[in-house]
C-alpha atoms as a PDB file:
ATOM      1  CA  MET A   1      37.991  22.856  12.045  1.00  0.00           C
ATOM      2  CA  THR A   2      34.279  22.445  12.695  1.00  0.00           C
ATOM      3  CA  ALA A   3      32.878  20.307  15.429  1.00  0.00           C
ATOM      4  CA  ALA A   4      30.403  17.565  14.589  1.00  0.00           C
ATOM      5  CA  PRO A   5      26.844  18.490  15.442  1.00  0.00           C
ATOM      6  CA  VAL A   6      25.750  17.210  18.815  1.00  0.00           C
ATOM      7  CA  GLU A   7      22.754  14.912  18.655  1.00  0.00           C
ATOM      8  CA  ARG A   8      20.001  16.268  20.834  1.00  0.00           C
ATOM      9  CA  PRO A   9      18.227  13.662  22.900  1.00  0.00           C
ATOM     10  CA  GLU A  10      14.861  15.403  22.432  1.00  0.00           C
ATOM     11  CA  MET A  11      13.040  17.154  19.639  1.00  0.00           C
ATOM     12  CA  SER A  12       9.780  19.014  19.186  1.00  0.00           C
ATOM     13  CA  THR A  13       6.823  17.619  17.262  1.00  0.00           C
ATOM     14  CA  ALA A  14       7.611  19.973  14.363  1.00  0.00           C
ATOM     15  CA  GLU A  15      11.175  18.633  14.156  1.00  0.00           C
ATOM     16  CA  ALA A  16       9.901  15.061  14.386  1.00  0.00           C
ATOM     17  CA  ALA A  17       7.396  15.746  11.606  1.00  0.00           C
ATOM     18  CA  ARG A  18      10.279  16.967   9.397  1.00  0.00           C
ATOM     19  CA  VAL A  19      12.345  13.860  10.187  1.00  0.00           C
ATOM     20  CA  LEU A  20       9.369  11.609   9.431  1.00  0.00           C
ATOM     21  CA  GLY A  21       8.374  13.498   6.282  1.00  0.00           C
ATOM     22  CA  LEU A  22       4.931  14.395   7.628  1.00  0.00           C
ATOM     23  CA  ARG A  23       2.970  17.555   6.940  1.00  0.00           C
ATOM     24  CA  TRP A  24       1.075  17.597  10.215  1.00  0.00           C
ATOM     25  CA  THR A  25       2.392  17.381  13.742  1.00  0.00           C
ATOM     26  CA  VAL A  26      -0.924  15.770  14.743  1.00  0.00           C
ATOM     27  CA  SER A  27       0.322  12.517  13.150  1.00  0.00           C
ATOM     28  CA  VAL A  28       3.400  12.640  15.374  1.00  0.00           C
ATOM     29  CA  VAL A  29       1.316  13.217  18.508  1.00  0.00           C
ATOM     30  CA  ASP A  30      -0.918  10.303  17.434  1.00  0.00           C
ATOM     31  CA  ALA A  31       2.166   8.051  17.232  1.00  0.00           C
ATOM     32  CA  VAL A  32       3.141   9.205  20.746  1.00  0.00           C
ATOM     33  CA  ARG A  33      -0.327   8.433  22.086  1.00  0.00           C
ATOM     34  CA  ARG A  34      -0.183   4.942  20.569  1.00  0.00           C
ATOM     35  CA  GLY A  35       3.129   4.354  22.324  1.00  0.00           C
ATOM     36  CA  ARG A  36       5.242   4.135  19.179  1.00  0.00           C
ATOM     37  CA  ILE A  37       7.330   7.205  20.037  1.00  0.00           C
ATOM     38  CA  ALA A  38       8.509   8.036  23.558  1.00  0.00           C
ATOM     39  CA  GLY A  39       7.640  11.560  24.602  1.00  0.00           C
ATOM     40  CA  ARG A  40       6.529  13.786  27.401  1.00  0.00           C
ATOM     41  CA  LEU A  41       4.198  16.725  27.608  1.00  0.00           C
ATOM     42  CA  GLU A  42       5.740  19.713  29.349  1.00  0.00           C
ATOM     43  CA  GLU A  43       3.936  23.043  29.690  1.00  0.00           C
ATOM     44  CA  GLY A  44       1.639  22.292  26.756  1.00  0.00           C
ATOM     45  CA  ARG A  45       4.454  21.226  24.412  1.00  0.00           C
ATOM     46  CA  TRP A  46       5.479  17.724  23.403  1.00  0.00           C
ATOM     47  CA  TRP A  47       9.137  16.765  23.678  1.00  0.00           C
ATOM     48  CA  LEU A  48      10.021  13.530  21.938  1.00  0.00           C
ATOM     49  CA  ASP A  49      12.927  11.145  22.349  1.00  0.00           C
ATOM     50  CA  ALA A  50      15.038  11.528  19.188  1.00  0.00           C
ATOM     51  CA  GLY A  51      16.091   7.878  19.220  1.00  0.00           C
ATOM     52  CA  SER A  52      12.518   6.616  19.321  1.00  0.00           C
ATOM     53  CA  VAL A  53      11.546   8.982  16.468  1.00  0.00           C
ATOM     54  CA  GLU A  54      14.367   7.540  14.364  1.00  0.00           C
ATOM     55  CA  ALA A  55      13.415   3.958  15.310  1.00  0.00           C
ATOM     56  CA  TYR A  56       9.776   4.686  14.422  1.00  0.00           C
ATOM     57  CA  ARG A  57      10.872   6.052  11.025  1.00  0.00           C
ATOM     58  CA  ARG A  58      12.961   2.945  10.296  1.00  0.00           C
ATOM     59  CA  ASP A  59      10.126   0.597  11.341  1.00  0.00           C
ATOM     60  CA  ARG A  60       7.550   2.551   9.332  1.00  0.00           C
ATOM     61  CA  ASP A  61       9.734   2.593   6.208  1.00  0.00           C
ATOM     62  CA  ALA A  62      10.428  -1.137   6.523  1.00  0.00           C
ATOM     63  CA  ALA A  63       6.688  -1.858   6.872  1.00  0.00           C
ATOM     64  CA  ARG A  64       5.946   0.219   3.775  1.00  0.00           C
ATOM     65  CA  GLU A  65       8.606  -1.678   1.832  1.00  0.00           C
ATOM     66  CA  ARG A  66       7.143  -5.031   2.923  1.00  0.00           C
ATOM     67  CA  ALA A  67       3.687  -3.883   1.845  1.00  0.00           C
ATOM     68  CA  ARG A  68       4.977  -3.020  -1.654  1.00  0.00           C
ATOM     69  CA  ARG A  69       6.252  -6.547  -2.312  1.00  0.00           C
ATOM     70  CA  PRO A  70       3.884  -8.839  -4.190  1.00  0.00           C
ATOM     71  CA  ARG A  71       2.302 -11.383  -1.909  1.00  0.00           C
ATOM     72  CA  PRO A  72       2.176 -15.055  -2.810  1.00  0.00           C
ATOM     73  CA  PRO A  73      -1.255 -16.301  -3.846  1.00  0.00           C
ATOM     74  CA  CYS A  74      -3.459 -17.929  -1.257  1.00  0.00           C
ATOM     75  CA  GLY A  75      -4.993 -20.798  -3.161  1.00  0.00           C
ATOM     76  CA  PRO A  76      -5.286 -21.671  -6.843  1.00  0.00           C
ATOM     77  CA  VAL A  77      -4.487 -18.953  -9.342  1.00  0.00           C
ATOM     78  CA  LEU A  78      -5.209 -18.213 -12.991  1.00  0.00           C
ATOM     79  CA  PRO A  79      -2.984 -16.488 -15.514  1.00  0.00           C
ATOM     80  CA  ALA A  80      -3.899 -12.827 -15.949  1.00  0.00           C
ATOM     81  CA  ALA A  81      -3.125 -12.736 -19.692  1.00  0.00           C
ATOM     82  CA  PRO A  82      -6.563 -13.977 -20.954  1.00  0.00           C
ATOM     83  CA  LEU A  83      -8.362 -11.467 -18.732  1.00  0.00           C
ATOM     84  CA  LEU A  84      -6.169  -8.583 -19.873  1.00  0.00           C
ATOM     85  CA  ARG A  85      -6.504  -9.656 -23.545  1.00  0.00           C
ATOM     86  CA  HIS A  86     -10.320  -9.642 -23.305  1.00  0.00           C
ATOM     87  CA  LEU A  87     -10.199  -6.291 -21.571  1.00  0.00           C
ATOM     88  CA  GLU A  88      -8.020  -4.668 -24.264  1.00  0.00           C
ATOM     89  CA  ALA A  89     -10.092  -6.231 -27.057  1.00  0.00           C
ATOM     90  CA  SER A  90     -13.224  -4.678 -25.586  1.00  0.00           C
ATOM     91  CA  GLY A  91     -11.809  -1.149 -25.502  1.00  0.00           C
ATOM     92  CA  GLY A  92      -9.683  -1.085 -22.371  1.00  0.00           C
ATOM     93  CA  ARG A  93     -10.415  -0.388 -18.735  1.00  0.00           C
ATOM     94  CA  ARG A  94     -12.076   2.982 -19.191  1.00  0.00           C
ATOM     95  CA  ALA A  95     -14.420   1.725 -21.908  1.00  0.00           C
ATOM     96  CA  ARG A  96     -15.566  -1.131 -19.655  1.00  0.00           C
ATOM     97  CA  GLY A  97     -16.217   1.137 -16.674  1.00  0.00           C
ATOM     98  CA  ALA A  98     -13.364   0.245 -14.320  1.00  0.00           C
ATOM     99  CA  ARG A  99     -12.705   3.705 -12.922  1.00  0.00           C
ATOM    100  CA  LEU A 100      -9.539   4.814 -11.206  1.00  0.00           C
ATOM    101  CA  SER A 101      -9.371   4.061  -7.463  1.00  0.00           C
ATOM    102  CA  THR A 102     -12.080   1.419  -7.536  1.00  0.00           C
ATOM    103  CA  ALA A 103     -11.495  -2.095  -6.262  1.00  0.00           C
ATOM    104  CA  GLU A 104     -11.674  -3.406  -9.821  1.00  0.00           C
ATOM    105  CA  GLU A 105      -8.998  -0.962 -10.967  1.00  0.00           C
ATOM    106  CA  ARG A 106      -6.648  -2.012  -8.179  1.00  0.00           C
ATOM    107  CA  ALA A 107      -7.287  -5.700  -8.896  1.00  0.00           C
ATOM    108  CA  LEU A 108      -6.535  -5.161 -12.589  1.00  0.00           C
ATOM    109  CA  GLU A 109      -3.296  -3.349 -11.733  1.00  0.00           C
ATOM    110  CA  ARG A 110      -2.264  -6.223  -9.444  1.00  0.00           C
ATOM    111  CA  ALA A 111      -3.113  -8.731 -12.195  1.00  0.00           C
ATOM    112  CA  ARG A 112      -1.000  -6.809 -14.687  1.00  0.00           C
ATOM    113  CA  ARG A 113       1.893  -6.464 -12.235  1.00  0.00           C
ATOM    114  CA  ASP A 114       1.871 -10.012 -10.813  1.00  0.00           C
ATOM    115  CA  GLY A 115       0.722 -11.932 -13.904  1.00  0.00           C
ATOM    116  CA  TRP A 116      -1.931 -13.917 -12.028  1.00  0.00           C
ATOM    117  CA  VAL A 117      -5.301 -13.565 -10.297  1.00  0.00           C
ATOM    118  CA  THR A 118      -6.973 -15.773  -7.739  1.00  0.00           C
ATOM    119  CA  ARG A 119     -10.019 -17.732  -8.871  1.00  0.00           C
ATOM    120  CA  ALA A 120     -12.325 -15.546  -6.756  1.00  0.00           C
ATOM    121  CA  ALA A 121     -10.855 -12.291  -8.110  1.00  0.00           C
ATOM    122  CA  GLY A 122     -10.882 -13.657 -11.658  1.00  0.00           C
ATOM    123  CA  ASP A 123     -14.542 -14.585 -11.388  1.00  0.00           C
ATOM    124  CA  LYS A 124     -15.485 -11.160 -10.007  1.00  0.00           C
ATOM    125  CA  LEU A 125     -13.413  -9.250 -12.588  1.00  0.00           C
ATOM    126  CA  ALA A 126     -14.786 -11.279 -15.486  1.00  0.00           C
ATOM    127  CA  ALA A 127     -18.366 -10.617 -14.373  1.00  0.00           C
ATOM    128  CA  ARG A 128     -18.095  -6.992 -13.206  1.00  0.00           C
ATOM    129  CA  VAL A 129     -15.608  -5.524 -15.661  1.00  0.00           C
ATOM    130  CA  LEU A 130     -16.103  -7.657 -18.791  1.00  0.00           C
ATOM    131  CA  GLY A 131     -19.660  -8.885 -18.338  1.00  0.00           C
ATOM    132  CA  LEU A 132     -18.508 -12.445 -19.130  1.00  0.00           C
ATOM    133  CA  THR A 133     -18.364 -15.646 -17.162  1.00  0.00           C
ATOM    134  CA  ALA A 134     -14.983 -16.842 -15.950  1.00  0.00           C
ATOM    135  CA  ARG A 135     -15.302 -19.906 -18.181  1.00  0.00           C
ATOM    136  CA  GLU A 136     -15.675 -17.609 -21.220  1.00  0.00           C
ATOM    137  CA  VAL A 137     -12.460 -15.835 -20.274  1.00  0.00           C
ATOM    138  CA  TRP A 138     -10.230 -18.751 -19.210  1.00  0.00           C
ATOM    139  CA  GLY A 139     -11.858 -21.721 -20.985  1.00  0.00           C
ATOM    140  CA  ALA A 140     -10.314 -25.047 -19.942  1.00  0.00           C
ATOM    141  CA  ALA A 141      -8.020 -23.397 -17.396  1.00  0.00           C
ATOM    142  CA  TRP A 142     -11.109 -22.458 -15.366  1.00  0.00           C
ATOM    143  CA  ASP A 143     -12.199 -26.097 -15.100  1.00  0.00           C
ATOM    144  CA  SER A 144      -8.844 -27.397 -13.871  1.00  0.00           C
END
């Protein structure tokens, strides 16, 4: 019969980094400095409250999950289909110069995922990526 492991009330920054899935202990110390994790410095070594590390992990994971959800549009929107059709007809994203990790690339990915773009984003994407006016892309939908 084996005894259940006893939860330690404190852990080192290296242990906290493992729990949080971080490569660097500096990120853990930064969270302590910002007051998100309770800890104390003793003889040049940080000792962290295990409960606050776990609470920080739960809060951080929940915030990441909220950030992944599509946000509702703020204002009038346009369907993304005409924009994406024009883009594919002209050779795709790479042929039009929307490079990976640019703002245009991220906006196109959001348009594809969500199925809509805001009027401001649609206007910018039509001009920068396609070289067209928004009216040329959306026609009557742009005027409404």
